């Protein structure tokens, strides 16, 4: 019996994957489901799965953030992903297999059969994934939108604004995109050296800050006015002089 964990932030994909795995009758026991990086770390340590079906984009970060936090890498991984091609190159060097969404049941069966065929410890292979991803400094994040996936380059993102569980991304070229997740889900993916949280509803790229008014507002070079909360003021001023 192979103990398997599913790490995927979309409930309908998790349920669909479980249904397909059960229909294949490959002697796999699903020991848990996770949707976030931290939850995946906790469940992996507790359940010690033999196999993880792993999405790239998770709540609270990426699959690679999960791998960084897990000390024991003795499990095997099948990536279930719609991620862009540069990431897939790193995956191909270390993961047992990867399947592009939407999941095809024949591809899933072939990937599971590889798990049964491969006997060696995959720890060193997964270390390659971690090392290669760490060597490629992230320059963008990927938004999951209704119509597909949108790449947002950090150096073109002026600020993010959250409202009622949605986050709007405002870009230098005046385009904007709305994602159906709170700002906290994205803040962890933004590089600390570039972005600062100024308010419970705003994250700002320091590159675009023109001035800070003592009344408690940031003025961007493009003219937007962004509030700085009293609680965040000291931290923000310190970042300006850093």
C-alpha atoms as a PDB file:
ATOM      1  CA  UNK A   1       0.000   0.000   0.000  1.00  0.00           C
ATOM      2  CA  UNK A   2       1.365   3.425  -1.018  1.00  0.00           C
ATOM      3  CA  UNK A   3       0.541   6.242   1.397  1.00  0.00           C
ATOM      4  CA  UNK A   4      -0.255   9.366  -0.635  1.00  0.00           C
ATOM      5  CA  UNK A   5      -0.885  13.017   0.235  1.00  0.00           C
ATOM      6  CA  UNK A   6      -2.645  15.498  -2.073  1.00  0.00           C
ATOM      7  CA  UNK A   7      -1.443  19.109  -1.819  1.00  0.00           C
ATOM      8  CA  UNK A   8      -3.617  21.351  -3.993  1.00  0.00           C
ATOM      9  CA  UNK A   9      -5.362  24.633  -3.164  1.00  0.00           C
ATOM     10  CA  UNK A  10      -8.458  24.015  -5.306  1.00  0.00           C
ATOM     11  CA  UNK A  11     -11.034  21.759  -3.635  1.00  0.00           C
ATOM     12  CA  UNK A  12     -12.651  20.574  -6.868  1.00  0.00           C
ATOM     13  CA  UNK A  13      -9.265  19.501  -8.264  1.00  0.00           C
ATOM     14  CA  UNK A  14      -8.450  17.593  -5.061  1.00  0.00           C
ATOM     15  CA  UNK A  15     -11.779  15.768  -5.154  1.00  0.00           C
ATOM     16  CA  UNK A  16     -11.451  15.015  -8.863  1.00  0.00           C
ATOM     17  CA  UNK A  17      -7.939  13.660  -8.366  1.00  0.00           C
ATOM     18  CA  UNK A  18      -9.058  11.431  -5.499  1.00  0.00           C
ATOM     19  CA  UNK A  19     -11.888  10.074  -7.634  1.00  0.00           C
ATOM     20  CA  UNK A  20      -9.508   9.257 -10.502  1.00  0.00           C
ATOM     21  CA  UNK A  21      -6.948   7.624  -8.185  1.00  0.00           C
ATOM     22  CA  UNK A  22      -9.635   5.447  -6.609  1.00  0.00           C
ATOM     23  CA  UNK A  23     -10.990   4.416 -10.026  1.00  0.00           C
ATOM     24  CA  UNK A  24      -7.509   3.268 -11.117  1.00  0.00           C
ATOM     25  CA  UNK A  25      -7.321   0.831  -8.182  1.00  0.00           C
ATOM     26  CA  UNK A  26      -3.534   1.132  -7.787  1.00  0.00           C
ATOM     27  CA  UNK A  27      -3.379   0.222  -4.100  1.00  0.00           C
ATOM     28  CA  UNK A  28      -2.952   3.854  -3.001  1.00  0.00           C
ATOM     29  CA  UNK A  29      -4.169   5.056   0.378  1.00  0.00           C
ATOM     30  CA  UNK A  30      -4.927   8.815   0.465  1.00  0.00           C
ATOM     31  CA  UNK A  31      -3.786   9.779   3.966  1.00  0.00           C
ATOM     32  CA  UNK A  32      -4.531  13.495   3.723  1.00  0.00           C
ATOM     33  CA  UNK A  33      -5.469  16.589   1.721  1.00  0.00           C
ATOM     34  CA  UNK A  34      -3.849  20.039   2.084  1.00  0.00           C
ATOM     35  CA  UNK A  35      -4.365  23.422   0.452  1.00  0.00           C
ATOM     36  CA  UNK A  36      -1.583  25.560   1.983  1.00  0.00           C
ATOM     37  CA  UNK A  37       2.182  25.416   2.415  1.00  0.00           C
ATOM     38  CA  UNK A  38       2.050  25.297   6.210  1.00  0.00           C
ATOM     39  CA  UNK A  39      -0.700  22.692   6.306  1.00  0.00           C
ATOM     40  CA  UNK A  40       1.290  20.508   3.903  1.00  0.00           C
ATOM     41  CA  UNK A  41       4.390  20.757   6.096  1.00  0.00           C
ATOM     42  CA  UNK A  42       2.431  19.758   9.211  1.00  0.00           C
ATOM     43  CA  UNK A  43       0.612  16.823   7.589  1.00  0.00           C
ATOM     44  CA  UNK A  44       3.764  15.542   5.851  1.00  0.00           C
ATOM     45  CA  UNK A  45       5.643  15.419   9.141  1.00  0.00           C
ATOM     46  CA  UNK A  46       2.744  13.667  10.851  1.00  0.00           C
ATOM     47  CA  UNK A  47       1.758  11.166   8.148  1.00  0.00           C
ATOM     48  CA  UNK A  48       5.125  10.507   6.456  1.00  0.00           C
ATOM     49  CA  UNK A  49       3.644   9.801   2.991  1.00  0.00           C
ATOM     50  CA  UNK A  50       5.422   7.731   0.360  1.00  0.00           C
ATOM     51  CA  UNK A  51       4.029   9.908  -2.437  1.00  0.00           C
ATOM     52  CA  UNK A  52       2.796  13.494  -2.729  1.00  0.00           C
ATOM     53  CA  UNK A  53       0.636  14.832  -5.554  1.00  0.00           C
ATOM     54  CA  UNK A  54       1.811  18.444  -5.459  1.00  0.00           C
ATOM     55  CA  UNK A  55       0.484  21.606  -7.084  1.00  0.00           C
ATOM     56  CA  UNK A  56       2.894  24.527  -7.739  1.00  0.00           C
ATOM     57  CA  UNK A  57       0.734  27.427  -6.553  1.00  0.00           C
ATOM     58  CA  UNK A  58      -0.556  26.917  -3.006  1.00  0.00           C
ATOM     59  CA  UNK A  59      -2.127  29.067  -0.354  1.00  0.00           C
ATOM     60  CA  UNK A  60       0.691  30.860   1.439  1.00  0.00           C
ATOM     61  CA  UNK A  61       3.346  30.258  -1.198  1.00  0.00           C
ATOM     62  CA  UNK A  62       4.684  27.772  -3.735  1.00  0.00           C
ATOM     63  CA  UNK A  63       5.448  24.061  -3.764  1.00  0.00           C
ATOM     64  CA  UNK A  64       9.129  24.955  -3.471  1.00  0.00           C
ATOM     65  CA  UNK A  65       8.434  26.847  -0.236  1.00  0.00           C
ATOM     66  CA  UNK A  66       6.927  23.630   1.087  1.00  0.00           C
ATOM     67  CA  UNK A  67      10.022  21.645   0.062  1.00  0.00           C
ATOM     68  CA  UNK A  68      12.254  24.180   1.812  1.00  0.00           C
ATOM     69  CA  UNK A  69      10.370  23.689   5.079  1.00  0.00           C
ATOM     70  CA  UNK A  70      10.365  19.866   5.068  1.00  0.00           C
ATOM     71  CA  UNK A  71      13.525  18.258   6.409  1.00  0.00           C
ATOM     72  CA  UNK A  72      12.755  14.665   5.400  1.00  0.00           C
ATOM     73  CA  UNK A  73      12.616  14.432   1.593  1.00  0.00           C
ATOM     74  CA  UNK A  74      12.304  10.663   1.335  1.00  0.00           C
ATOM     75  CA  UNK A  75       8.878  10.804  -0.350  1.00  0.00           C
ATOM     76  CA  UNK A  76       8.269  10.816  -4.102  1.00  0.00           C
ATOM     77  CA  UNK A  77       6.509  13.658  -5.916  1.00  0.00           C
ATOM     78  CA  UNK A  78       4.181  13.867  -8.877  1.00  0.00           C
ATOM     79  CA  UNK A  79       3.572  17.518  -9.734  1.00  0.00           C
ATOM     80  CA  UNK A  80       0.053  18.400 -10.865  1.00  0.00           C
ATOM     81  CA  UNK A  81       0.556  21.789 -12.458  1.00  0.00           C
ATOM     82  CA  UNK A  82      -0.418  24.442 -14.965  1.00  0.00           C
ATOM     83  CA  UNK A  83       2.825  26.347 -14.300  1.00  0.00           C
ATOM     84  CA  UNK A  84       4.970  28.064 -16.936  1.00  0.00           C
ATOM     85  CA  UNK A  85       7.690  26.152 -18.715  1.00  0.00           C
ATOM     86  CA  UNK A  86      10.795  27.479 -16.962  1.00  0.00           C
ATOM     87  CA  UNK A  87       9.619  25.932 -13.700  1.00  0.00           C
ATOM     88  CA  UNK A  88       8.859  22.648 -15.409  1.00  0.00           C
ATOM     89  CA  UNK A  89      12.501  22.350 -16.451  1.00  0.00           C
ATOM     90  CA  UNK A  90      13.564  22.335 -12.810  1.00  0.00           C
ATOM     91  CA  UNK A  91      10.812  19.897 -11.949  1.00  0.00           C
ATOM     92  CA  UNK A  92      11.853  17.476 -14.679  1.00  0.00           C
ATOM     93  CA  UNK A  93      15.322  17.213 -13.163  1.00  0.00           C
ATOM     94  CA  UNK A  94      14.132  16.111  -9.758  1.00  0.00           C
ATOM     95  CA  UNK A  95      10.506  15.045  -9.553  1.00  0.00           C
ATOM     96  CA  UNK A  96       9.345  11.564 -10.408  1.00  0.00           C
ATOM     97  CA  UNK A  97       6.852  12.967 -12.918  1.00  0.00           C
ATOM     98  CA  UNK A  98       4.599  15.928 -13.657  1.00  0.00           C
ATOM     99  CA  UNK A  99       1.136  16.179 -15.159  1.00  0.00           C
ATOM    100  CA  UNK A 100      -0.312  19.295 -16.743  1.00  0.00           C
ATOM    101  CA  UNK A 101      -3.820  20.392 -15.825  1.00  0.00           C
ATOM    102  CA  UNK A 102      -6.472  19.413 -16.687  1.00  0.00           C
ATOM    103  CA  UNK A 103      -5.406  15.975 -15.484  1.00  0.00           C
ATOM    104  CA  UNK A 104      -5.675  13.172 -18.009  1.00  0.00           C
ATOM    105  CA  UNK A 105      -6.421   9.839 -16.335  1.00  0.00           C
ATOM    106  CA  UNK A 106      -4.090   7.903 -18.661  1.00  0.00           C
ATOM    107  CA  UNK A 107      -1.179  10.217 -17.803  1.00  0.00           C
ATOM    108  CA  UNK A 108      -2.049   9.889 -14.137  1.00  0.00           C
ATOM    109  CA  UNK A 109      -1.960   6.100 -14.395  1.00  0.00           C
ATOM    110  CA  UNK A 110       1.452   6.163 -16.095  1.00  0.00           C
ATOM    111  CA  UNK A 111       2.831   8.476 -13.398  1.00  0.00           C
ATOM    112  CA  UNK A 112       1.535   6.229 -10.606  1.00  0.00           C
ATOM    113  CA  UNK A 113       3.050   3.183 -12.300  1.00  0.00           C
ATOM    114  CA  UNK A 114       6.427   4.935 -12.160  1.00  0.00           C
ATOM    115  CA  UNK A 115       6.039   5.167  -8.391  1.00  0.00           C
ATOM    116  CA  UNK A 116       5.682   1.403  -8.221  1.00  0.00           C
ATOM    117  CA  UNK A 117       8.673   0.846 -10.524  1.00  0.00           C
ATOM    118  CA  UNK A 118      11.110   3.249  -8.858  1.00  0.00           C
ATOM    119  CA  UNK A 119      12.777   1.740  -5.813  1.00  0.00           C
ATOM    120  CA  UNK A 120      15.643   4.123  -5.053  1.00  0.00           C
ATOM    121  CA  UNK A 121      15.560   6.888  -2.456  1.00  0.00           C
ATOM    122  CA  UNK A 122      14.425  10.121  -4.154  1.00  0.00           C
ATOM    123  CA  UNK A 123      15.902  12.439  -1.499  1.00  0.00           C
ATOM    124  CA  UNK A 124      18.841  13.583  -3.629  1.00  0.00           C
ATOM    125  CA  UNK A 125      16.573  14.165  -6.625  1.00  0.00           C
ATOM    126  CA  UNK A 126      14.305  16.454  -4.606  1.00  0.00           C
ATOM    127  CA  UNK A 127      17.315  18.366  -3.318  1.00  0.00           C
ATOM    128  CA  UNK A 128      18.120  19.116  -6.963  1.00  0.00           C
ATOM    129  CA  UNK A 129      14.656  20.659  -7.383  1.00  0.00           C
ATOM    130  CA  UNK A 130      15.173  22.833  -4.316  1.00  0.00           C
ATOM    131  CA  UNK A 131      18.658  23.919  -5.342  1.00  0.00           C
ATOM    132  CA  UNK A 132      17.697  24.729  -8.920  1.00  0.00           C
ATOM    133  CA  UNK A 133      14.677  26.756  -7.908  1.00  0.00           C
ATOM    134  CA  UNK A 134      16.699  28.643  -5.299  1.00  0.00           C
ATOM    135  CA  UNK A 135      19.275  29.419  -7.988  1.00  0.00           C
ATOM    136  CA  UNK A 136      16.641  31.022 -10.196  1.00  0.00           C
ATOM    137  CA  UNK A 137      15.638  34.174  -8.362  1.00  0.00           C
ATOM    138  CA  UNK A 138      11.914  34.643  -8.669  1.00  0.00           C
ATOM    139  CA  UNK A 139      10.998  37.638 -10.781  1.00  0.00           C
ATOM    140  CA  UNK A 140       7.246  37.189 -10.954  1.00  0.00           C
ATOM    141  CA  UNK A 141       4.166  35.654  -9.415  1.00  0.00           C
ATOM    142  CA  UNK A 142       1.356  33.874 -11.207  1.00  0.00           C
ATOM    143  CA  UNK A 143      -2.274  34.845 -10.651  1.00  0.00           C
ATOM    144  CA  UNK A 144      -4.979  32.284 -11.154  1.00  0.00           C
ATOM    145  CA  UNK A 145      -7.797  34.178 -12.876  1.00  0.00           C
ATOM    146  CA  UNK A 146     -11.151  32.999 -14.230  1.00  0.00           C
ATOM    147  CA  UNK A 147      -9.894  33.130 -17.809  1.00  0.00           C
ATOM    148  CA  UNK A 148      -6.525  31.482 -17.081  1.00  0.00           C
ATOM    149  CA  UNK A 149      -3.163  32.440 -15.583  1.00  0.00           C
ATOM    150  CA  UNK A 150      -1.570  35.892 -15.545  1.00  0.00           C
ATOM    151  CA  UNK A 151       2.144  36.473 -14.941  1.00  0.00           C
ATOM    152  CA  UNK A 152       2.892  39.582 -12.865  1.00  0.00           C
ATOM    153  CA  UNK A 153       6.500  40.770 -12.907  1.00  0.00           C
ATOM    154  CA  UNK A 154       7.580  42.227  -9.574  1.00  0.00           C
ATOM    155  CA  UNK A 155       9.383  45.179 -11.161  1.00  0.00           C
ATOM    156  CA  UNK A 156       6.177  46.319 -12.938  1.00  0.00           C
ATOM    157  CA  UNK A 157       3.825  45.889  -9.955  1.00  0.00           C
ATOM    158  CA  UNK A 158       3.215  49.255  -8.276  1.00  0.00           C
ATOM    159  CA  UNK A 159       0.910  48.140  -5.471  1.00  0.00           C
ATOM    160  CA  UNK A 160      -1.744  45.659  -4.381  1.00  0.00           C
ATOM    161  CA  UNK A 161      -5.052  46.542  -2.790  1.00  0.00           C
ATOM    162  CA  UNK A 162      -7.287  44.133  -0.898  1.00  0.00           C
ATOM    163  CA  UNK A 163     -11.056  44.428  -0.544  1.00  0.00           C
ATOM    164  CA  UNK A 164     -13.494  41.856   0.871  1.00  0.00           C
ATOM    165  CA  UNK A 165     -11.275  38.846   0.175  1.00  0.00           C
ATOM    166  CA  UNK A 166     -10.207  39.991  -3.297  1.00  0.00           C
ATOM    167  CA  UNK A 167      -6.851  41.517  -4.256  1.00  0.00           C
ATOM    168  CA  UNK A 168      -6.306  43.949  -7.129  1.00  0.00           C
ATOM    169  CA  UNK A 169      -2.839  44.249  -8.694  1.00  0.00           C
ATOM    170  CA  UNK A 170      -1.998  47.655 -10.223  1.00  0.00           C
ATOM    171  CA  UNK A 171       0.782  47.659 -12.808  1.00  0.00           C
ATOM    172  CA  UNK A 172       3.062  50.312 -14.225  1.00  0.00           C
ATOM    173  CA  UNK A 173       1.350  50.151 -17.643  1.00  0.00           C
ATOM    174  CA  UNK A 174      -1.992  51.059 -15.965  1.00  0.00           C
ATOM    175  CA  UNK A 175      -3.360  47.531 -16.335  1.00  0.00           C
ATOM    176  CA  UNK A 176      -4.940  45.889 -13.301  1.00  0.00           C
ATOM    177  CA  UNK A 177      -5.936  42.332 -12.413  1.00  0.00           C
ATOM    178  CA  UNK A 178      -8.252  41.042  -9.697  1.00  0.00           C
ATOM    179  CA  UNK A 179      -7.620  37.726  -7.934  1.00  0.00           C
ATOM    180  CA  UNK A 180     -10.135  36.056  -5.633  1.00  0.00           C
ATOM    181  CA  UNK A 181      -7.779  35.680  -2.678  1.00  0.00           C
ATOM    182  CA  UNK A 182      -6.914  38.035   0.209  1.00  0.00           C
ATOM    183  CA  UNK A 183      -3.738  40.074   0.085  1.00  0.00           C
ATOM    184  CA  UNK A 184      -2.083  37.939   2.771  1.00  0.00           C
ATOM    185  CA  UNK A 185      -1.968  35.005   0.336  1.00  0.00           C
ATOM    186  CA  UNK A 186       0.199  37.041  -2.050  1.00  0.00           C
ATOM    187  CA  UNK A 187       2.268  39.086   0.403  1.00  0.00           C
ATOM    188  CA  UNK A 188       4.375  36.046   1.282  1.00  0.00           C
ATOM    189  CA  UNK A 189       5.309  35.612  -2.390  1.00  0.00           C
ATOM    190  CA  UNK A 190       6.541  39.196  -2.838  1.00  0.00           C
ATOM    191  CA  UNK A 191      10.261  39.877  -2.209  1.00  0.00           C
ATOM    192  CA  UNK A 192      10.826  41.708   1.080  1.00  0.00           C
ATOM    193  CA  UNK A 193      13.508  43.938  -0.401  1.00  0.00           C
ATOM    194  CA  UNK A 194      11.007  45.411  -2.893  1.00  0.00           C
ATOM    195  CA  UNK A 195       7.616  45.449  -1.175  1.00  0.00           C
ATOM    196  CA  UNK A 196       6.270  46.738   2.128  1.00  0.00           C
ATOM    197  CA  UNK A 197       2.870  46.365   3.812  1.00  0.00           C
ATOM    198  CA  UNK A 198       1.648  49.883   4.590  1.00  0.00           C
ATOM    199  CA  UNK A 199      -1.882  49.114   5.664  1.00  0.00           C
ATOM    200  CA  UNK A 200      -4.115  46.078   6.201  1.00  0.00           C
ATOM    201  CA  UNK A 201      -5.381  46.623   2.650  1.00  0.00           C
ATOM    202  CA  UNK A 202      -2.201  47.711   0.821  1.00  0.00           C
ATOM    203  CA  UNK A 203       1.221  46.380  -0.180  1.00  0.00           C
ATOM    204  CA  UNK A 204       3.444  48.874  -2.041  1.00  0.00           C
ATOM    205  CA  UNK A 205       6.517  48.520  -4.262  1.00  0.00           C
ATOM    206  CA  UNK A 206       9.146  50.916  -2.857  1.00  0.00           C
ATOM    207  CA  UNK A 207      10.452  51.501  -6.381  1.00  0.00           C
ATOM    208  CA  UNK A 208       7.347  53.571  -7.182  1.00  0.00           C
ATOM    209  CA  UNK A 209       7.205  55.681  -4.000  1.00  0.00           C
ATOM    210  CA  UNK A 210       7.679  59.401  -4.671  1.00  0.00           C
ATOM    211  CA  UNK A 211       7.142  60.832  -1.191  1.00  0.00           C
ATOM    212  CA  UNK A 212       5.643  60.141   2.213  1.00  0.00           C
ATOM    213  CA  UNK A 213       3.396  62.803   3.656  1.00  0.00           C
ATOM    214  CA  UNK A 214       3.470  63.214   7.433  1.00  0.00           C
ATOM    215  CA  UNK A 215      -0.319  63.151   7.435  1.00  0.00           C
ATOM    216  CA  UNK A 216       0.043  59.422   6.781  1.00  0.00           C
ATOM    217  CA  UNK A 217      -0.089  58.973   3.022  1.00  0.00           C
ATOM    218  CA  UNK A 218       2.314  57.721   0.362  1.00  0.00           C
ATOM    219  CA  UNK A 219       2.279  59.404  -3.022  1.00  0.00           C
ATOM    220  CA  UNK A 220       3.431  57.217  -5.881  1.00  0.00           C
ATOM    221  CA  UNK A 221       5.319  58.572  -8.885  1.00  0.00           C
ATOM    222  CA  UNK A 222       2.204  57.917 -10.960  1.00  0.00           C
ATOM    223  CA  UNK A 223       0.085  60.041  -8.615  1.00  0.00           C
ATOM    224  CA  UNK A 224      -1.782  57.432  -6.566  1.00  0.00           C
ATOM    225  CA  UNK A 225      -2.332  58.155  -2.894  1.00  0.00           C
ATOM    226  CA  UNK A 226      -1.813  55.177  -0.552  1.00  0.00           C
ATOM    227  CA  UNK A 227      -2.581  55.215   3.196  1.00  0.00           C
ATOM    228  CA  UNK A 228      -0.034  54.218   5.843  1.00  0.00           C
ATOM    229  CA  UNK A 229      -1.643  52.983   9.048  1.00  0.00           C
ATOM    230  CA  UNK A 230      -0.404  54.238  12.405  1.00  0.00           C
ATOM    231  CA  UNK A 231       0.725  50.729  13.282  1.00  0.00           C
ATOM    232  CA  UNK A 232       2.762  50.413  10.072  1.00  0.00           C
ATOM    233  CA  UNK A 233       4.215  53.943  10.003  1.00  0.00           C
ATOM    234  CA  UNK A 234       7.418  53.264  11.951  1.00  0.00           C
ATOM    235  CA  UNK A 235       8.248  50.173   9.915  1.00  0.00           C
ATOM    236  CA  UNK A 236       7.587  51.988   6.648  1.00  0.00           C
ATOM    237  CA  UNK A 237       9.796  54.966   7.515  1.00  0.00           C
ATOM    238  CA  UNK A 238      12.580  52.578   8.532  1.00  0.00           C
ATOM    239  CA  UNK A 239      12.329  50.877   5.137  1.00  0.00           C
ATOM    240  CA  UNK A 240      12.631  54.229   3.354  1.00  0.00           C
ATOM    241  CA  UNK A 241      15.979  54.900   5.037  1.00  0.00           C
ATOM    242  CA  UNK A 242      17.272  51.343   4.752  1.00  0.00           C
END
